[in-house]
Amino acid sequence: MNTTAAAPAGRSSRSRAYIWFGYAISAACLVYVLHGFHVRRAIEQLADVSWRWAVLGISFDVASYVVQALRWKLLLVPFGRVKMRDATRAVFAGLFANLIFPLRPGELLRAYLVSKDEDIGLGTVVGSVLVERLIDLVVTTAGLGVMLLIVPAPIRFRHAASALGIATLALLGLFIAMILYIELRFGGDPRRMSGGRRVPGKLMSALIGLHTMGTSPSFYPTVFASLLMPFCQALALWAMMRSYGIGLPFLAAVVVLLVINLGVSLPNAPANVGPYQFFCVLGLSIFAVVDKTTATGFSMFAFVMLAVLPFLFLGFYAVIRSGLSMRSMREQMSRLPSEARATQT
């Protein structure tokens, strides 16, 4: 009885520890970014912003998440015909949740919304989100490696990118090897691995989902959409650079975007505040023509224009259209981790 009561308390303590750790990281990032920041000069630069370029950047950024919804729909084709409307609404609702809550709970929320609307198991939809994250990691790491062959960068930056690339390739290799092993050894049916109770139920559920998604014909257009999504985001960031008066080429925007995406890939404070600014400044520091005050001011401007304002309004609308209130959304997200685990047992 005491053990049962202690389990939720233990999980709650760990969650609080993760949250405070995320806040500490965000605070440290902001301290670094704001050190030596000249406010008056940043205000002068903000006054010269070209809002036509800014609106264009916002449009490309919103379009990138519509592409994400399309990719998600394609990834779930083996399990059901997900409506584009439902996928898009769930993606924007998840982005809104990530804006106001720590540890990125919007990923679970959007999985719940699609699971509810399309009658697909929550565990399966959560698995598709994890596959999305793996694809994004591979695309981002590979893209950064290619860009560093073209764009000059400090040697320590290249070493860090190389180490990350090796780790990502190892993870991708494990994923591919698992699919090939199931295909060749068990005729494409992961359930045949369960003889003698060698495979736990959660792992079996994950294997079935990964194999089904990885071998579906719809997986190939999914990969194409995974390339189109960061392309739209790079266009958005480049347009924001132009609006702010930073005259770097498009390839520079690609490098900065890839650095930002890698930096904010781990759950942290709401809306990635802190890490977004830190990695934006870090990416711009590769290019000596951008001083720290300009890079810091731009990181704040791009954060508000690309990561906050569009999804504060579109995301809130998506949440309301999904039949959730702020209170019910909070309550649902508190239950989702245990529900997701329960569906995989």
Protein backbone atom coordinates (compact mmCIF):
# COMPACT_ATOMS: atom_id res chain seq x y z
CA MET A 1 0.00 0.00 0.00
CA ASN A 2 2.81 2.37 0.90
CA THR A 3 4.68 1.29 -2.23
CA THR A 4 1.73 2.21 -4.44
CA ALA A 5 1.44 5.61 -2.82
CA ALA A 6 5.18 6.20 -3.08
CA ALA A 7 5.32 5.59 -6.85
CA PRO A 8 3.31 8.68 -7.92
CA ALA A 9 5.15 10.73 -5.30
CA GLY A 10 8.48 9.55 -6.72
CA ARG A 11 7.43 10.40 -10.26
CA SER A 12 6.21 13.83 -9.08
CA SER A 13 9.55 14.52 -7.37
CA ARG A 14 11.46 13.55 -10.50
CA SER A 15 9.22 15.76 -12.64
CA ARG A 16 9.83 18.72 -10.34
CA ALA A 17 13.55 18.06 -10.45
CA TYR A 18 13.49 17.99 -14.28
CA ILE A 19 11.48 21.22 -14.34
CA TRP A 20 13.85 23.06 -11.99
CA PHE A 21 16.84 21.72 -13.89
CA GLY A 22 15.32 23.06 -17.11
CA TYR A 23 14.73 26.46 -15.51
CA ALA A 24 18.32 26.53 -14.26
CA ILE A 25 19.65 25.80 -17.74
CA SER A 26 17.41 28.49 -19.23
CA ALA A 27 18.56 31.04 -16.66
CA ALA A 28 22.22 30.22 -17.31
CA CYS A 29 21.69 30.59 -21.06
CA LEU A 30 20.03 34.00 -20.62
CA VAL A 31 22.82 35.21 -18.31
CA TYR A 32 25.39 34.34 -20.97
CA VAL A 33 23.38 35.88 -23.81
CA LEU A 34 22.62 39.13 -21.97
CA HIS A 35 26.17 39.64 -20.67
CA GLY A 36 27.56 42.74 -22.39
CA PHE A 37 24.27 43.40 -24.18
CA HIS A 38 23.77 47.05 -25.23
CA VAL A 39 20.05 47.82 -24.85
CA ARG A 40 20.05 51.21 -26.56
CA ARG A 41 21.76 49.87 -29.66
CA ALA A 42 19.36 46.93 -29.82
CA ILE A 43 16.38 49.32 -29.65
CA GLU A 44 17.85 51.33 -32.54
CA GLN A 45 18.21 48.14 -34.60
CA LEU A 46 14.66 47.11 -33.77
CA ALA A 47 13.38 50.48 -34.99
CA ASP A 48 14.87 49.76 -38.42
CA VAL A 49 13.19 46.36 -38.83
CA SER A 50 11.58 45.70 -42.22
CA TRP A 51 8.17 44.33 -41.32
CA ARG A 52 7.47 43.04 -44.82
CA TRP A 53 10.35 40.60 -44.46
CA ALA A 54 9.18 39.76 -40.94
CA VAL A 55 5.67 38.87 -42.13
CA LEU A 56 7.19 36.73 -44.89
CA GLY A 57 9.31 34.93 -42.30
CA ILE A 58 6.30 34.24 -40.09
CA SER A 59 4.42 32.85 -43.10
CA PHE A 60 7.22 30.40 -43.93
CA ASP A 61 7.45 29.34 -40.28
CA VAL A 62 3.72 28.61 -40.03
CA ALA A 63 3.92 26.72 -43.35
CA SER A 64 6.69 24.52 -41.94
CA TYR A 65 4.34 23.22 -39.23
CA VAL A 66 1.62 22.54 -41.78
CA VAL A 67 4.26 20.41 -43.54
CA GLN A 68 4.93 18.71 -40.20
CA ALA A 69 1.24 17.86 -39.93
CA LEU A 70 1.36 16.40 -43.45
CA ARG A 71 4.41 14.32 -42.53
CA TRP A 72 2.68 13.05 -39.41
CA LYS A 73 -0.40 12.12 -41.42
CA LEU A 74 1.79 10.14 -43.85
CA LEU A 75 3.62 8.43 -41.00
CA LEU A 76 0.31 7.23 -39.54
CA VAL A 77 -1.07 5.92 -42.87
CA PRO A 78 -0.51 2.24 -41.88
CA PHE A 79 -2.73 2.71 -38.82
CA GLY A 80 -5.56 4.86 -40.18
CA ARG A 81 -6.61 7.68 -42.50
CA VAL A 82 -5.78 10.73 -40.41
CA LYS A 83 -7.50 13.90 -41.63
CA MET A 84 -5.14 16.74 -42.49
CA ARG A 85 -7.38 19.08 -40.51
CA ASP A 86 -7.04 16.99 -37.34
CA ALA A 87 -3.27 16.56 -37.71
CA THR A 88 -2.74 20.30 -38.27
CA ARG A 89 -4.97 21.26 -35.36
CA ALA A 90 -3.18 18.82 -33.06
CA VAL A 91 0.27 20.11 -34.09
CA PHE A 92 -0.67 23.73 -33.34
CA ALA A 93 -2.37 22.77 -30.07
CA GLY A 94 0.84 20.98 -29.06
CA LEU A 95 2.92 24.04 -29.95
CA PHE A 96 0.65 26.16 -27.74
CA ALA A 97 1.09 23.75 -24.83
CA ASN A 98 4.87 23.90 -25.28
CA LEU A 99 4.68 27.70 -25.03
CA ILE A 100 3.09 27.77 -21.60
CA PHE A 101 4.25 24.54 -19.91
CA PRO A 102 7.78 23.21 -19.26
CA LEU A 103 9.26 19.90 -20.50
CA ARG A 104 7.46 20.08 -23.85
CA PRO A 105 4.20 18.29 -22.94
CA GLY A 106 2.67 19.36 -26.26
CA GLU A 107 4.11 16.26 -27.93
CA LEU A 108 1.91 14.05 -25.74
CA LEU A 109 -1.05 16.41 -26.07
CA ARG A 110 -1.03 16.33 -29.87
CA ALA A 111 -0.70 12.55 -29.78
CA TYR A 112 -3.73 12.37 -27.49
CA LEU A 113 -5.81 14.64 -29.75
CA VAL A 114 -5.11 12.60 -32.90
CA SER A 115 -5.65 9.34 -31.00
CA LYS A 116 -9.03 10.60 -29.81
CA ASP A 117 -10.15 12.06 -33.16
CA GLU A 118 -8.96 9.21 -35.38
CA ASP A 119 -9.47 6.21 -33.07
CA ILE A 120 -5.82 5.12 -33.19
CA GLY A 121 -4.15 3.73 -30.07
CA LEU A 122 -2.37 6.38 -28.00
CA GLY A 123 0.77 4.24 -27.74
CA THR A 124 0.93 3.96 -31.53
CA VAL A 125 0.56 7.72 -32.02
CA VAL A 126 3.18 8.44 -29.35
CA GLY A 127 5.49 6.02 -31.18
CA SER A 128 4.99 7.99 -34.40
CA VAL A 129 6.02 11.18 -32.56
CA LEU A 130 9.22 9.45 -31.41
CA VAL A 131 9.93 8.38 -34.99
CA GLU A 132 9.43 12.02 -36.05
CA ARG A 133 12.02 13.11 -33.49
CA LEU A 134 14.50 10.50 -34.74
CA ILE A 135 14.01 11.64 -38.35
CA ASP A 136 14.45 15.28 -37.32
CA LEU A 137 17.64 14.45 -35.42
CA VAL A 138 19.10 12.62 -38.41
CA VAL A 139 18.12 15.38 -40.88
CA THR A 140 19.45 18.12 -38.60
CA THR A 141 22.75 16.37 -37.87
CA ALA A 142 23.33 15.42 -41.49
CA GLY A 143 22.43 18.93 -42.63
CA LEU A 144 24.81 20.50 -40.12
CA GLY A 145 27.61 18.19 -41.27
CA VAL A 146 27.07 19.16 -44.90
CA MET A 147 26.86 22.88 -44.09
CA LEU A 148 30.11 22.77 -42.11
CA LEU A 149 31.84 21.43 -45.21
CA ILE A 150 30.73 24.59 -47.03
CA VAL A 151 30.75 27.28 -44.33
CA PRO A 152 33.96 27.98 -42.33
CA ALA A 153 33.54 27.34 -38.59
CA PRO A 154 35.74 27.19 -35.45
CA ILE A 155 37.56 23.89 -35.00
CA ARG A 156 35.93 23.10 -31.63
CA PHE A 157 32.52 23.61 -33.20
CA ARG A 158 33.43 21.13 -35.92
CA HIS A 159 34.61 18.60 -33.32
CA ALA A 160 31.34 18.89 -31.36
CA ALA A 161 29.32 18.49 -34.57
CA SER A 162 31.38 15.43 -35.53
CA ALA A 163 30.77 13.78 -32.13
CA LEU A 164 27.04 14.43 -32.38
CA GLY A 165 27.02 13.09 -35.92
CA ILE A 166 28.65 9.84 -34.83
CA ALA A 167 26.11 9.37 -32.02
CA THR A 168 23.19 10.09 -34.36
CA LEU A 169 24.49 7.70 -37.02
CA ALA A 170 24.84 4.99 -34.37
CA LEU A 171 21.21 5.54 -33.30
CA LEU A 172 20.03 5.51 -36.92
CA GLY A 173 22.06 2.37 -37.60
CA LEU A 174 20.41 0.65 -34.63
CA PHE A 175 16.96 1.63 -35.94
CA ILE A 176 17.69 0.30 -39.45
CA ALA A 177 19.34 -2.86 -38.12
CA MET A 178 16.30 -3.59 -35.96
CA ILE A 179 13.93 -3.28 -38.92
CA LEU A 180 16.14 -5.44 -41.15
CA TYR A 181 16.52 -8.06 -38.40
CA ILE A 182 12.77 -8.32 -37.98
CA GLU A 183 12.27 -8.43 -41.74
CA LEU A 184 14.88 -11.13 -42.45
CA ARG A 185 14.78 -13.23 -39.29
CA PHE A 186 11.05 -13.18 -38.55
CA GLY A 187 9.49 -12.55 -41.96
CA GLY A 188 8.46 -9.00 -41.10
CA ASP A 189 6.33 -10.05 -38.12
CA PRO A 190 7.77 -8.82 -34.78
CA ARG A 191 5.23 -10.92 -32.86
CA ARG A 192 7.19 -14.04 -33.79
CA MET A 193 9.99 -12.71 -31.55
CA SER A 194 7.87 -13.23 -28.45
CA GLY A 195 8.46 -16.96 -28.19
CA GLY A 196 9.59 -17.95 -24.74
CA ARG A 197 8.61 -14.53 -23.37
CA ARG A 198 11.93 -13.06 -24.44
CA VAL A 199 10.47 -9.70 -25.43
CA PRO A 200 8.57 -7.51 -22.89
CA GLY A 201 5.17 -6.21 -23.91
CA LYS A 202 6.20 -2.54 -24.10
CA LEU A 203 9.19 -3.34 -26.29
CA MET A 204 7.06 -5.58 -28.50
CA SER A 205 4.51 -2.81 -29.01
CA ALA A 206 7.29 -0.39 -29.93
CA LEU A 207 8.88 -2.88 -32.34
CA ILE A 208 5.61 -3.54 -34.14
CA GLY A 209 4.96 0.19 -34.54
CA LEU A 210 8.50 1.00 -35.71
CA HIS A 211 8.55 -1.86 -38.19
CA THR A 212 5.13 -0.95 -39.60
CA MET A 213 6.03 2.71 -40.08
CA GLY A 214 9.54 2.02 -41.36
CA THR A 215 8.43 -0.46 -44.04
CA SER A 216 5.28 1.36 -45.20
CA PRO A 217 5.34 2.90 -48.74
CA SER A 218 4.22 6.16 -47.14
CA PHE A 219 7.53 6.36 -45.28
CA TYR A 220 9.34 7.68 -48.36
CA PRO A 221 7.15 10.79 -48.84
CA THR A 222 7.50 11.19 -45.07
CA VAL A 223 11.25 11.57 -45.52
CA PHE A 224 10.70 14.15 -48.28
CA ALA A 225 8.39 16.13 -46.01
CA SER A 226 11.08 15.92 -43.33
CA LEU A 227 13.43 17.78 -45.70
CA LEU A 228 10.81 20.32 -46.76
CA MET A 229 9.98 21.26 -43.17
CA PRO A 230 13.46 22.58 -42.18
CA PHE A 231 13.76 24.20 -45.62
CA CYS A 232 10.68 26.32 -44.84
CA GLN A 233 12.08 27.08 -41.38
CA ALA A 234 15.42 28.15 -42.89
CA LEU A 235 13.57 30.47 -45.28
CA ALA A 236 11.71 31.89 -42.28
CA LEU A 237 14.92 32.53 -40.34
CA TRP A 238 16.65 34.02 -43.39
CA ALA A 239 13.70 36.39 -43.95
CA MET A 240 13.91 37.43 -40.29
CA MET A 241 17.64 38.09 -40.72
CA ARG A 242 16.87 40.30 -43.71
CA SER A 243 14.19 42.14 -41.74
CA TYR A 244 16.67 42.78 -38.91
CA GLY A 245 19.38 44.03 -41.26
CA ILE A 246 21.65 40.97 -41.03
CA GLY A 247 22.84 40.47 -44.60
CA LEU A 248 24.06 36.89 -44.34
CA PRO A 249 23.35 34.45 -47.20
CA PHE A 250 20.69 31.73 -47.08
CA LEU A 251 23.26 29.02 -46.24
CA ALA A 252 24.20 30.96 -43.11
CA ALA A 253 20.55 30.91 -42.04
CA VAL A 254 20.54 27.14 -42.59
CA VAL A 255 23.56 26.72 -40.29
CA VAL A 256 22.03 28.91 -37.56
CA LEU A 257 18.71 27.05 -37.78
CA LEU A 258 20.42 23.66 -37.49
CA VAL A 259 22.35 24.82 -34.43
CA ILE A 260 19.13 26.12 -32.83
CA ASN A 261 17.22 22.92 -33.60
CA LEU A 262 19.93 20.76 -32.06
CA GLY A 263 20.16 23.01 -29.01
CA VAL A 264 16.44 22.99 -28.21
CA SER A 265 15.92 19.29 -28.97
CA LEU A 266 15.84 18.40 -25.25
CA PRO A 267 12.82 19.38 -23.11
CA ASN A 268 13.44 22.49 -20.99
CA ALA A 269 11.64 25.67 -19.92
CA PRO A 270 8.40 26.79 -21.64
CA ALA A 271 8.85 27.90 -25.26
CA ASN A 272 12.58 27.01 -25.09
CA VAL A 273 13.29 30.45 -23.64
CA GLY A 274 16.98 30.70 -22.88
CA PRO A 275 18.32 27.83 -24.98
CA TYR A 276 16.76 29.32 -28.13
CA GLN A 277 18.58 32.61 -27.58
CA PHE A 278 21.83 30.92 -26.56
CA PHE A 279 22.04 28.64 -29.59
CA CYS A 280 20.90 31.40 -31.95
CA VAL A 281 23.77 33.57 -30.71
CA LEU A 282 26.12 30.57 -30.88
CA GLY A 283 25.12 29.88 -34.49
CA LEU A 284 25.57 33.53 -35.48
CA SER A 285 28.95 33.64 -33.73
CA ILE A 286 30.31 31.38 -36.47
CA PHE A 287 30.07 34.40 -38.75
CA ALA A 288 32.48 37.07 -37.56
CA VAL A 289 30.51 39.87 -39.23
CA VAL A 290 27.73 39.62 -36.60
CA ASP A 291 28.67 41.13 -33.21
CA LYS A 292 27.22 39.81 -29.95
CA THR A 293 24.78 42.69 -29.35
CA THR A 294 23.32 42.29 -32.83
CA ALA A 295 23.16 38.50 -32.42
CA THR A 296 21.48 38.81 -29.01
CA GLY A 297 18.96 41.37 -30.20
CA PHE A 298 18.14 39.24 -33.21
CA SER A 299 17.76 36.12 -31.05
CA MET A 300 15.12 37.93 -28.97
CA PHE A 301 13.36 39.31 -32.04
CA ALA A 302 13.33 35.98 -33.91
CA PHE A 303 12.18 34.16 -30.78
CA VAL A 304 9.12 36.38 -30.41
CA MET A 305 8.30 36.50 -34.13
CA LEU A 306 8.90 32.83 -34.97
CA ALA A 307 8.48 30.86 -31.75
CA VAL A 308 5.90 32.77 -29.73
CA LEU A 309 3.43 35.12 -31.42
CA PRO A 310 2.13 32.93 -34.29
CA PHE A 311 1.55 29.90 -32.08
CA LEU A 312 0.17 31.87 -29.16
CA PHE A 313 -2.81 32.79 -31.36
CA LEU A 314 -3.01 29.85 -33.79
CA GLY A 315 -2.28 27.37 -31.01
CA PHE A 316 -4.91 28.82 -28.68
CA TYR A 317 -7.45 28.65 -31.49
CA ALA A 318 -6.48 25.02 -32.16
CA VAL A 319 -6.90 24.14 -28.47
CA ILE A 320 -10.37 25.69 -28.35
CA ARG A 321 -11.37 23.95 -31.61
CA SER A 322 -10.20 20.66 -30.10
CA GLY A 323 -12.80 21.03 -27.34
CA LEU A 324 -10.31 21.78 -24.56
CA SER A 325 -10.23 24.62 -22.08
CA MET A 326 -7.06 25.76 -20.34
CA ARG A 327 -8.10 23.87 -17.22
CA SER A 328 -9.03 20.65 -19.01
CA MET A 329 -5.82 20.83 -21.05
CA ARG A 330 -3.74 21.05 -17.88
CA GLU A 331 -5.65 18.16 -16.29
CA GLN A 332 -5.35 16.03 -19.41
CA MET A 333 -1.62 16.58 -19.71
CA SER A 334 -1.11 15.52 -16.09
CA ARG A 335 -2.75 12.17 -16.92
CA LEU A 336 -1.19 11.58 -20.33
CA PRO A 337 2.20 10.13 -19.27
CA SER A 338 0.54 7.32 -17.27
CA GLU A 339 -2.04 6.72 -20.02
CA ALA A 340 0.68 6.43 -22.64
CA ARG A 341 2.57 3.90 -20.50
CA ALA A 342 -0.64 1.93 -19.87
CA THR A 343 -1.38 1.56 -23.59
CA GLN A 344 2.04 -0.03 -24.17
CA THR A 345 1.73 -2.75 -21.57
